[in-house]
């Protein structure tokens, strides 16, 4: 019986999560680009779809982007009427970002496609794995945030 040695990365949690995310995202990102968006713009729409208006710093954290890059993306999305800026009435230096009517329509369409994509991904797993994967990842994120 021949034993196949598993390379370190093939069993390393962080590698497995990164590769799974990248491969799972690739096919969905085709739909994002077909909608005329870049992936970071999709992230902004996804973060704002069911959220109150967010400050740029909050949005950058949620969308996993650097604040300076987020500011440029917001500028471009604002110019295309996908998001709007509103100054905070209590502190004029703070700006809140929210979706425009057009941004919300595109976001809703893509969120529905993302949910369908997720159902397809989960269907490729055994039922018990599909039921466990999100709670396990959420628990890991909670532990990492502590």
C-alpha atoms as a PDB file:
ATOM      1  CA  UNK A   1       0.000   0.000   0.000  1.00  0.00           C
ATOM      2  CA  UNK A   2       1.531   3.279  -1.136  1.00  0.00           C
ATOM      3  CA  UNK A   3       1.113   6.270   1.189  1.00  0.00           C
ATOM      4  CA  UNK A   4       0.768   9.597  -0.556  1.00  0.00           C
ATOM      5  CA  UNK A   5       2.342  12.404   1.377  1.00  0.00           C
ATOM      6  CA  UNK A   6       0.159  15.488   1.679  1.00  0.00           C
ATOM      7  CA  UNK A   7       2.024  18.722   1.122  1.00  0.00           C
ATOM      8  CA  UNK A   8       1.834  21.248   3.957  1.00  0.00           C
ATOM      9  CA  UNK A   9      -0.332  23.731   2.058  1.00  0.00           C
ATOM     10  CA  UNK A  10      -2.802  21.032   1.072  1.00  0.00           C
ATOM     11  CA  UNK A  11      -3.838  20.632   4.700  1.00  0.00           C
ATOM     12  CA  UNK A  12      -3.122  24.174   5.993  1.00  0.00           C
ATOM     13  CA  UNK A  13      -6.355  25.848   7.124  1.00  0.00           C
ATOM     14  CA  UNK A  14      -5.555  29.336   5.850  1.00  0.00           C
ATOM     15  CA  UNK A  15      -4.537  28.007   2.439  1.00  0.00           C
ATOM     16  CA  UNK A  16      -7.667  25.864   2.225  1.00  0.00           C
ATOM     17  CA  UNK A  17      -9.930  28.813   3.102  1.00  0.00           C
ATOM     18  CA  UNK A  18      -8.185  31.129   0.636  1.00  0.00           C
ATOM     19  CA  UNK A  19      -8.275  28.643  -2.239  1.00  0.00           C
ATOM     20  CA  UNK A  20     -11.885  27.669  -1.534  1.00  0.00           C
ATOM     21  CA  UNK A  21     -12.886  31.336  -1.492  1.00  0.00           C
ATOM     22  CA  UNK A  22     -11.022  32.120  -4.687  1.00  0.00           C
ATOM     23  CA  UNK A  23     -12.372  29.137  -6.614  1.00  0.00           C
ATOM     24  CA  UNK A  24     -15.927  29.616  -5.356  1.00  0.00           C
ATOM     25  CA  UNK A  25     -15.802  33.334  -6.186  1.00  0.00           C
ATOM     26  CA  UNK A  26     -14.358  32.979  -9.689  1.00  0.00           C
ATOM     27  CA  UNK A  27     -17.532  31.729 -11.331  1.00  0.00           C
ATOM     28  CA  UNK A  28     -19.714  34.303  -9.562  1.00  0.00           C
ATOM     29  CA  UNK A  29     -17.362  37.145 -10.433  1.00  0.00           C
ATOM     30  CA  UNK A  30     -18.123  36.467 -14.118  1.00  0.00           C
ATOM     31  CA  UNK A  31     -21.703  37.542 -13.346  1.00  0.00           C
ATOM     32  CA  UNK A  32     -20.424  40.619 -11.502  1.00  0.00           C
ATOM     33  CA  UNK A  33     -18.364  41.674 -14.529  1.00  0.00           C
ATOM     34  CA  UNK A  34     -21.321  40.935 -16.838  1.00  0.00           C
ATOM     35  CA  UNK A  35     -23.315  43.427 -14.746  1.00  0.00           C
ATOM     36  CA  UNK A  36     -20.673  46.061 -15.567  1.00  0.00           C
ATOM     37  CA  UNK A  37     -19.012  46.052 -12.160  1.00  0.00           C
ATOM     38  CA  UNK A  38     -15.602  45.284 -10.780  1.00  0.00           C
ATOM     39  CA  UNK A  39     -15.374  42.933  -7.791  1.00  0.00           C
ATOM     40  CA  UNK A  40     -14.634  45.715  -5.250  1.00  0.00           C
ATOM     41  CA  UNK A  41     -17.729  47.581  -6.479  1.00  0.00           C
ATOM     42  CA  UNK A  42     -19.803  44.432  -5.995  1.00  0.00           C
ATOM     43  CA  UNK A  43     -18.479  44.168  -2.444  1.00  0.00           C
ATOM     44  CA  UNK A  44     -19.599  47.743  -1.745  1.00  0.00           C
ATOM     45  CA  UNK A  45     -23.083  47.035  -3.115  1.00  0.00           C
ATOM     46  CA  UNK A  46     -23.318  43.784  -1.144  1.00  0.00           C
ATOM     47  CA  UNK A  47     -22.250  45.515   2.083  1.00  0.00           C
ATOM     48  CA  UNK A  48     -24.767  48.338   1.680  1.00  0.00           C
ATOM     49  CA  UNK A  49     -27.798  46.374   0.449  1.00  0.00           C
ATOM     50  CA  UNK A  50     -29.204  45.641   3.913  1.00  0.00           C
ATOM     51  CA  UNK A  51     -27.263  48.114   5.990  1.00  0.00           C
ATOM     52  CA  UNK A  52     -27.856  51.642   7.217  1.00  0.00           C
ATOM     53  CA  UNK A  53     -25.581  54.232   5.578  1.00  0.00           C
ATOM     54  CA  UNK A  54     -21.961  53.491   6.516  1.00  0.00           C
ATOM     55  CA  UNK A  55     -18.917  55.664   6.980  1.00  0.00           C
ATOM     56  CA  UNK A  56     -16.076  54.991   4.550  1.00  0.00           C
ATOM     57  CA  UNK A  57     -13.967  53.401   7.292  1.00  0.00           C
ATOM     58  CA  UNK A  58     -16.780  51.005   8.251  1.00  0.00           C
ATOM     59  CA  UNK A  59     -17.445  50.166   4.622  1.00  0.00           C
ATOM     60  CA  UNK A  60     -13.741  49.547   3.943  1.00  0.00           C
ATOM     61  CA  UNK A  61     -13.537  47.148   6.899  1.00  0.00           C
ATOM     62  CA  UNK A  62     -16.688  45.278   5.886  1.00  0.00           C
ATOM     63  CA  UNK A  63     -15.681  45.064   2.209  1.00  0.00           C
ATOM     64  CA  UNK A  64     -12.105  43.964   3.060  1.00  0.00           C
ATOM     65  CA  UNK A  65     -10.503  46.945   1.302  1.00  0.00           C
ATOM     66  CA  UNK A  66      -8.001  49.592   2.366  1.00  0.00           C
ATOM     67  CA  UNK A  67      -9.614  52.931   3.199  1.00  0.00           C
ATOM     68  CA  UNK A  68      -7.657  54.849   0.550  1.00  0.00           C
ATOM     69  CA  UNK A  69      -8.746  52.369  -2.116  1.00  0.00           C
ATOM     70  CA  UNK A  70     -12.320  52.468  -0.814  1.00  0.00           C
ATOM     71  CA  UNK A  71     -12.397  56.251  -1.173  1.00  0.00           C
ATOM     72  CA  UNK A  72     -11.416  55.969  -4.858  1.00  0.00           C
ATOM     73  CA  UNK A  73     -14.000  53.254  -5.459  1.00  0.00           C
ATOM     74  CA  UNK A  74     -16.704  55.380  -3.804  1.00  0.00           C
ATOM     75  CA  UNK A  75     -15.683  58.341  -6.006  1.00  0.00           C
ATOM     76  CA  UNK A  76     -16.105  56.189  -9.127  1.00  0.00           C
ATOM     77  CA  UNK A  77     -19.384  54.652  -7.949  1.00  0.00           C
ATOM     78  CA  UNK A  78     -20.732  58.081  -6.980  1.00  0.00           C
ATOM     79  CA  UNK A  79     -19.909  59.382 -10.467  1.00  0.00           C
ATOM     80  CA  UNK A  80     -21.895  56.454 -11.926  1.00  0.00           C
ATOM     81  CA  UNK A  81     -24.837  57.154  -9.583  1.00  0.00           C
ATOM     82  CA  UNK A  82     -24.539  53.815  -7.746  1.00  0.00           C
ATOM     83  CA  UNK A  83     -23.889  55.293  -4.294  1.00  0.00           C
ATOM     84  CA  UNK A  84     -24.376  58.658  -2.652  1.00  0.00           C
ATOM     85  CA  UNK A  85     -22.586  60.526   0.090  1.00  0.00           C
ATOM     86  CA  UNK A  86     -24.334  62.343   2.905  1.00  0.00           C
ATOM     87  CA  UNK A  87     -22.508  64.448   5.470  1.00  0.00           C
ATOM     88  CA  UNK A  88     -23.157  63.491   9.100  1.00  0.00           C
ATOM     89  CA  UNK A  89     -25.367  66.257  10.556  1.00  0.00           C
ATOM     90  CA  UNK A  90     -23.486  66.023  13.887  1.00  0.00           C
ATOM     91  CA  UNK A  91     -19.987  66.066  12.383  1.00  0.00           C
ATOM     92  CA  UNK A  92     -19.544  67.493   8.880  1.00  0.00           C
ATOM     93  CA  UNK A  93     -16.153  65.747   8.518  1.00  0.00           C
ATOM     94  CA  UNK A  94     -17.882  62.360   8.594  1.00  0.00           C
ATOM     95  CA  UNK A  95     -19.608  61.131   5.471  1.00  0.00           C
ATOM     96  CA  UNK A  96     -22.133  58.312   5.215  1.00  0.00           C
ATOM     97  CA  UNK A  97     -22.390  56.176   2.085  1.00  0.00           C
ATOM     98  CA  UNK A  98     -25.657  54.639   0.903  1.00  0.00           C
ATOM     99  CA  UNK A  99     -27.065  53.137  -2.276  1.00  0.00           C
ATOM    100  CA  UNK A 100     -28.897  55.150  -4.895  1.00  0.00           C
ATOM    101  CA  UNK A 101     -32.042  53.751  -6.518  1.00  0.00           C
ATOM    102  CA  UNK A 102     -29.927  52.455  -9.418  1.00  0.00           C
ATOM    103  CA  UNK A 103     -27.283  51.032  -7.086  1.00  0.00           C
ATOM    104  CA  UNK A 104     -29.964  49.258  -5.052  1.00  0.00           C
ATOM    105  CA  UNK A 105     -31.511  47.700  -8.188  1.00  0.00           C
ATOM    106  CA  UNK A 106     -28.150  46.349  -9.367  1.00  0.00           C
ATOM    107  CA  UNK A 107     -27.306  45.166  -5.848  1.00  0.00           C
ATOM    108  CA  UNK A 108     -30.626  43.313  -5.467  1.00  0.00           C
ATOM    109  CA  UNK A 109     -30.146  41.568  -8.796  1.00  0.00           C
ATOM    110  CA  UNK A 110     -26.610  40.484  -7.909  1.00  0.00           C
ATOM    111  CA  UNK A 111     -27.501  39.472  -4.353  1.00  0.00           C
ATOM    112  CA  UNK A 112     -30.182  37.165  -5.754  1.00  0.00           C
ATOM    113  CA  UNK A 113     -27.626  35.685  -8.156  1.00  0.00           C
ATOM    114  CA  UNK A 114     -25.136  35.340  -5.272  1.00  0.00           C
ATOM    115  CA  UNK A 115     -27.722  33.462  -3.206  1.00  0.00           C
ATOM    116  CA  UNK A 116     -28.396  31.104  -6.137  1.00  0.00           C
ATOM    117  CA  UNK A 117     -24.647  30.615  -6.566  1.00  0.00           C
ATOM    118  CA  UNK A 118     -24.308  29.797  -2.869  1.00  0.00           C
ATOM    119  CA  UNK A 119     -27.107  27.204  -3.093  1.00  0.00           C
ATOM    120  CA  UNK A 120     -25.249  25.536  -5.984  1.00  0.00           C
ATOM    121  CA  UNK A 121     -21.983  25.530  -4.010  1.00  0.00           C
ATOM    122  CA  UNK A 122     -23.625  24.073  -0.920  1.00  0.00           C
ATOM    123  CA  UNK A 123     -25.326  21.385  -3.026  1.00  0.00           C
ATOM    124  CA  UNK A 124     -21.868  20.071  -3.898  1.00  0.00           C
ATOM    125  CA  UNK A 125     -21.319  19.223  -0.207  1.00  0.00           C
ATOM    126  CA  UNK A 126     -22.851  16.497   1.902  1.00  0.00           C
ATOM    127  CA  UNK A 127     -25.891  17.836   3.781  1.00  0.00           C
ATOM    128  CA  UNK A 128     -24.147  17.608   7.154  1.00  0.00           C
ATOM    129  CA  UNK A 129     -21.106  19.513   5.840  1.00  0.00           C
ATOM    130  CA  UNK A 130     -23.294  22.166   4.216  1.00  0.00           C
ATOM    131  CA  UNK A 131     -25.174  22.645   7.486  1.00  0.00           C
ATOM    132  CA  UNK A 132     -21.945  22.975   9.489  1.00  0.00           C
ATOM    133  CA  UNK A 133     -19.674  25.058   7.258  1.00  0.00           C
ATOM    134  CA  UNK A 134     -21.185  28.516   7.874  1.00  0.00           C
ATOM    135  CA  UNK A 135     -21.589  28.155  11.659  1.00  0.00           C
ATOM    136  CA  UNK A 136     -18.008  26.867  11.940  1.00  0.00           C
ATOM    137  CA  UNK A 137     -16.615  29.780   9.896  1.00  0.00           C
ATOM    138  CA  UNK A 138     -18.749  32.258  11.861  1.00  0.00           C
ATOM    139  CA  UNK A 139     -17.436  30.810  15.136  1.00  0.00           C
ATOM    140  CA  UNK A 140     -13.867  31.083  13.843  1.00  0.00           C
ATOM    141  CA  UNK A 141     -14.426  34.740  12.868  1.00  0.00           C
ATOM    142  CA  UNK A 142     -15.964  35.426  16.288  1.00  0.00           C
ATOM    143  CA  UNK A 143     -12.939  33.858  18.009  1.00  0.00           C
ATOM    144  CA  UNK A 144     -10.549  35.872  15.829  1.00  0.00           C
ATOM    145  CA  UNK A 145     -12.414  39.101  16.649  1.00  0.00           C
ATOM    146  CA  UNK A 146     -12.156  38.555  20.398  1.00  0.00           C
END
